[in-house]
Amino acid sequence: MNMRFIHIEGHWERLAEGRVEWCKSINGGYRIYDEAWLGALAQKRLRRHTTGSSDCAEGFNCHICGRECR
């Protein structure tokens, strides 16, 4: 994974010398990356589920049971 994805840029070697700060930076960066990734997945899912089906027009009634198609 690219360090820029987890918001670590520049002199990462200097940051890595301090183990506690390095761990906080890595964990925080991954949390931000994961939230953005999961948000993008949620948006894709929402778009996929909100677009109507093209093979089922409104007002269509089933010839077997008589129910109206959504």
N, C-alpha and C. Protein backbone atom coordinates (compact mmCIF):
# COMPACT_ATOMS: atom_id res chain seq x y z
N MET A 1 0.85 -1.17 0.00
CA MET A 1 0.00 0.00 0.00
C MET A 1 0.90 1.24 0.00
N ASN A 2 0.46 2.23 -0.70
CA ASN A 2 1.16 3.49 -0.78
C ASN A 2 0.99 4.25 0.54
N MET A 3 2.08 4.82 1.04
CA MET A 3 2.04 5.55 2.30
C MET A 3 1.13 6.78 2.23
N ARG A 4 0.95 7.32 1.04
CA ARG A 4 0.09 8.50 0.89
C ARG A 4 -1.37 8.15 1.16
N PHE A 5 -1.75 6.91 0.89
CA PHE A 5 -3.12 6.50 1.16
C PHE A 5 -3.46 6.57 2.63
N ILE A 6 -2.46 6.37 3.48
CA ILE A 6 -2.70 6.42 4.92
C ILE A 6 -2.14 7.70 5.53
N HIS A 7 -1.97 8.70 4.70
CA HIS A 7 -1.58 10.05 5.11
C HIS A 7 -0.23 10.11 5.82
N ILE A 8 0.74 9.34 5.31
CA ILE A 8 2.11 9.45 5.80
C ILE A 8 2.96 9.87 4.62
N GLU A 9 3.41 11.10 4.68
CA GLU A 9 4.20 11.65 3.59
C GLU A 9 5.49 12.23 4.14
N GLY A 10 6.44 12.42 3.26
CA GLY A 10 7.68 13.07 3.67
C GLY A 10 8.65 12.09 4.30
N HIS A 11 9.19 12.47 5.44
CA HIS A 11 10.26 11.72 6.10
C HIS A 11 9.67 10.67 7.04
N TRP A 12 9.21 9.58 6.49
CA TRP A 12 8.61 8.54 7.31
C TRP A 12 9.64 7.83 8.18
N GLU A 13 10.92 7.85 7.75
CA GLU A 13 11.96 7.21 8.55
C GLU A 13 12.10 7.90 9.90
N ARG A 14 12.01 9.22 9.88
CA ARG A 14 12.12 9.98 11.13
C ARG A 14 10.92 9.69 12.03
N LEU A 15 9.76 9.59 11.43
CA LEU A 15 8.55 9.27 12.19
C LEU A 15 8.63 7.85 12.77
N ALA A 16 9.22 6.93 12.01
CA ALA A 16 9.31 5.54 12.45
C ALA A 16 10.29 5.35 13.61
N GLU A 17 11.19 6.29 13.83
CA GLU A 17 12.11 6.18 14.96
C GLU A 17 11.36 6.21 16.29
N GLY A 18 10.31 6.96 16.37
CA GLY A 18 9.48 6.97 17.57
C GLY A 18 8.37 5.95 17.41
N ARG A 19 8.54 4.79 18.00
CA ARG A 19 7.63 3.66 17.78
C ARG A 19 6.18 3.99 18.13
N VAL A 20 5.96 4.67 19.24
CA VAL A 20 4.59 4.98 19.67
C VAL A 20 3.93 5.92 18.66
N GLU A 21 4.61 6.97 18.27
CA GLU A 21 4.04 7.90 17.29
C GLU A 21 3.83 7.23 15.93
N TRP A 22 4.75 6.35 15.57
CA TRP A 22 4.64 5.62 14.31
C TRP A 22 3.37 4.76 14.31
N CYS A 23 3.14 4.04 15.39
CA CYS A 23 1.95 3.18 15.49
C CYS A 23 0.67 4.01 15.46
N LYS A 24 0.68 5.15 16.15
CA LYS A 24 -0.50 6.02 16.12
C LYS A 24 -0.75 6.53 14.70
N SER A 25 0.31 6.90 14.01
CA SER A 25 0.16 7.41 12.63
C SER A 25 -0.37 6.33 11.70
N ILE A 26 0.18 5.13 11.82
CA ILE A 26 -0.26 4.02 10.96
C ILE A 26 -1.72 3.69 11.24
N ASN A 27 -2.07 3.52 12.50
CA ASN A 27 -3.45 3.15 12.85
C ASN A 27 -4.44 4.24 12.47
N GLY A 28 -4.08 5.49 12.71
CA GLY A 28 -4.96 6.59 12.33
C GLY A 28 -5.13 6.69 10.83
N GLY A 29 -4.05 6.50 10.10
CA GLY A 29 -4.10 6.55 8.64
C GLY A 29 -4.96 5.44 8.06
N TYR A 30 -4.80 4.23 8.61
CA TYR A 30 -5.62 3.12 8.14
C TYR A 30 -7.09 3.33 8.45
N ARG A 31 -7.37 3.92 9.61
CA ARG A 31 -8.76 4.19 9.98
C ARG A 31 -9.39 5.16 8.97
N ILE A 32 -8.67 6.22 8.63
CA ILE A 32 -9.16 7.19 7.64
C ILE A 32 -9.35 6.53 6.28
N TYR A 33 -8.37 5.73 5.87
CA TYR A 33 -8.45 5.04 4.58
C TYR A 33 -9.63 4.08 4.55
N ASP A 34 -9.79 3.29 5.60
CA ASP A 34 -10.90 2.32 5.65
C ASP A 34 -12.25 3.01 5.65
N GLU A 35 -12.38 4.09 6.39
CA GLU A 35 -13.66 4.82 6.42
C GLU A 35 -14.01 5.36 5.03
N ALA A 36 -13.00 5.88 4.34
CA ALA A 36 -13.24 6.40 2.99
C ALA A 36 -13.61 5.26 2.04
N TRP A 37 -12.93 4.13 2.16
CA TRP A 37 -13.19 2.98 1.30
C TRP A 37 -14.59 2.42 1.56
N LEU A 38 -14.94 2.26 2.84
CA LEU A 38 -16.27 1.75 3.17
C LEU A 38 -17.37 2.74 2.77
N GLY A 39 -17.08 4.03 2.86
CA GLY A 39 -18.03 5.04 2.40
C GLY A 39 -18.27 4.94 0.91
N ALA A 40 -17.20 4.72 0.16
CA ALA A 40 -17.33 4.57 -1.29
C ALA A 40 -18.14 3.32 -1.63
N LEU A 41 -17.92 2.23 -0.90
CA LEU A 41 -18.69 1.01 -1.12
C LEU A 41 -20.17 1.23 -0.80
N ALA A 42 -20.44 1.96 0.26
CA ALA A 42 -21.83 2.24 0.64
C ALA A 42 -22.53 3.08 -0.43
N GLN A 43 -21.81 4.04 -0.98
CA GLN A 43 -22.40 4.87 -2.05
C GLN A 43 -22.68 4.03 -3.29
N LYS A 44 -21.75 3.13 -3.64
CA LYS A 44 -21.97 2.26 -4.80
C LYS A 44 -23.19 1.37 -4.58
N ARG A 45 -23.31 0.83 -3.37
CA ARG A 45 -24.44 -0.04 -3.05
C ARG A 45 -25.75 0.76 -3.13
N LEU A 46 -25.74 1.96 -2.59
CA LEU A 46 -26.93 2.79 -2.62
C LEU A 46 -27.35 3.10 -4.05
N ARG A 47 -26.39 3.45 -4.89
CA ARG A 47 -26.69 3.73 -6.30
C ARG A 47 -27.25 2.49 -6.99
N ARG A 48 -26.66 1.34 -6.67
CA ARG A 48 -27.09 0.10 -7.30
C ARG A 48 -28.52 -0.26 -6.90
N HIS A 49 -28.87 0.02 -5.65
CA HIS A 49 -30.20 -0.36 -5.16
C HIS A 49 -31.27 0.71 -5.41
N THR A 50 -30.88 1.92 -5.73
CA THR A 50 -31.89 2.95 -5.98
C THR A 50 -32.26 3.07 -7.45
N THR A 51 -31.43 2.57 -8.34
CA THR A 51 -31.79 2.63 -9.75
C THR A 51 -32.81 1.54 -10.03
N GLY A 52 -33.86 1.91 -10.75
CA GLY A 52 -34.94 0.97 -11.04
C GLY A 52 -34.54 -0.06 -12.08
N SER A 53 -35.23 -1.12 -12.08
CA SER A 53 -35.01 -2.17 -13.06
C SER A 53 -35.66 -1.75 -14.38
N SER A 54 -34.94 -1.92 -15.46
CA SER A 54 -35.47 -1.49 -16.76
C SER A 54 -36.45 -2.50 -17.34
N ASP A 55 -36.44 -3.74 -16.84
CA ASP A 55 -37.34 -4.74 -17.41
C ASP A 55 -38.71 -4.77 -16.72
N CYS A 56 -38.91 -3.90 -15.76
CA CYS A 56 -40.18 -3.89 -15.03
C CYS A 56 -40.70 -2.45 -15.00
N ALA A 57 -41.64 -2.16 -15.84
CA ALA A 57 -42.18 -0.80 -15.91
C ALA A 57 -43.24 -0.61 -14.83
N GLU A 58 -43.45 0.62 -14.41
CA GLU A 58 -44.49 0.90 -13.42
C GLU A 58 -45.86 0.60 -14.03
N GLY A 59 -46.75 0.11 -13.18
CA GLY A 59 -48.09 -0.18 -13.64
C GLY A 59 -48.22 -1.55 -14.28
N PHE A 60 -47.16 -2.32 -14.31
CA PHE A 60 -47.21 -3.65 -14.88
C PHE A 60 -47.89 -4.59 -13.89
N ASN A 61 -48.86 -5.31 -14.35
CA ASN A 61 -49.55 -6.29 -13.51
C ASN A 61 -49.16 -7.69 -13.94
N CYS A 62 -48.92 -8.53 -12.95
CA CYS A 62 -48.56 -9.92 -13.20
C CYS A 62 -49.77 -10.64 -13.80
N HIS A 63 -49.53 -11.41 -14.85
CA HIS A 63 -50.63 -12.13 -15.50
C HIS A 63 -51.07 -13.36 -14.69
N ILE A 64 -50.27 -13.76 -13.70
CA ILE A 64 -50.60 -14.93 -12.90
C ILE A 64 -51.36 -14.54 -11.63
N CYS A 65 -50.78 -13.61 -10.86
CA CYS A 65 -51.39 -13.27 -9.57
C CYS A 65 -52.09 -11.92 -9.57
N GLY A 66 -51.85 -11.10 -10.58
CA GLY A 66 -52.52 -9.81 -10.68
C GLY A 66 -51.88 -8.70 -9.85
N ARG A 67 -50.77 -8.99 -9.19
CA ARG A 67 -50.09 -7.97 -8.38
C ARG A 67 -49.40 -6.95 -9.28
N GLU A 68 -49.30 -5.72 -8.75
CA GLU A 68 -48.63 -4.66 -9.49
C GLU A 68 -47.13 -4.72 -9.22
N CYS A 69 -46.37 -4.60 -10.27
CA CYS A 69 -44.92 -4.61 -10.16
C CYS A 69 -44.45 -3.29 -9.57
N ARG A 70 -43.42 -3.34 -8.74
CA ARG A 70 -42.90 -2.10 -8.14
C ARG A 70 -42.10 -1.31 -9.12
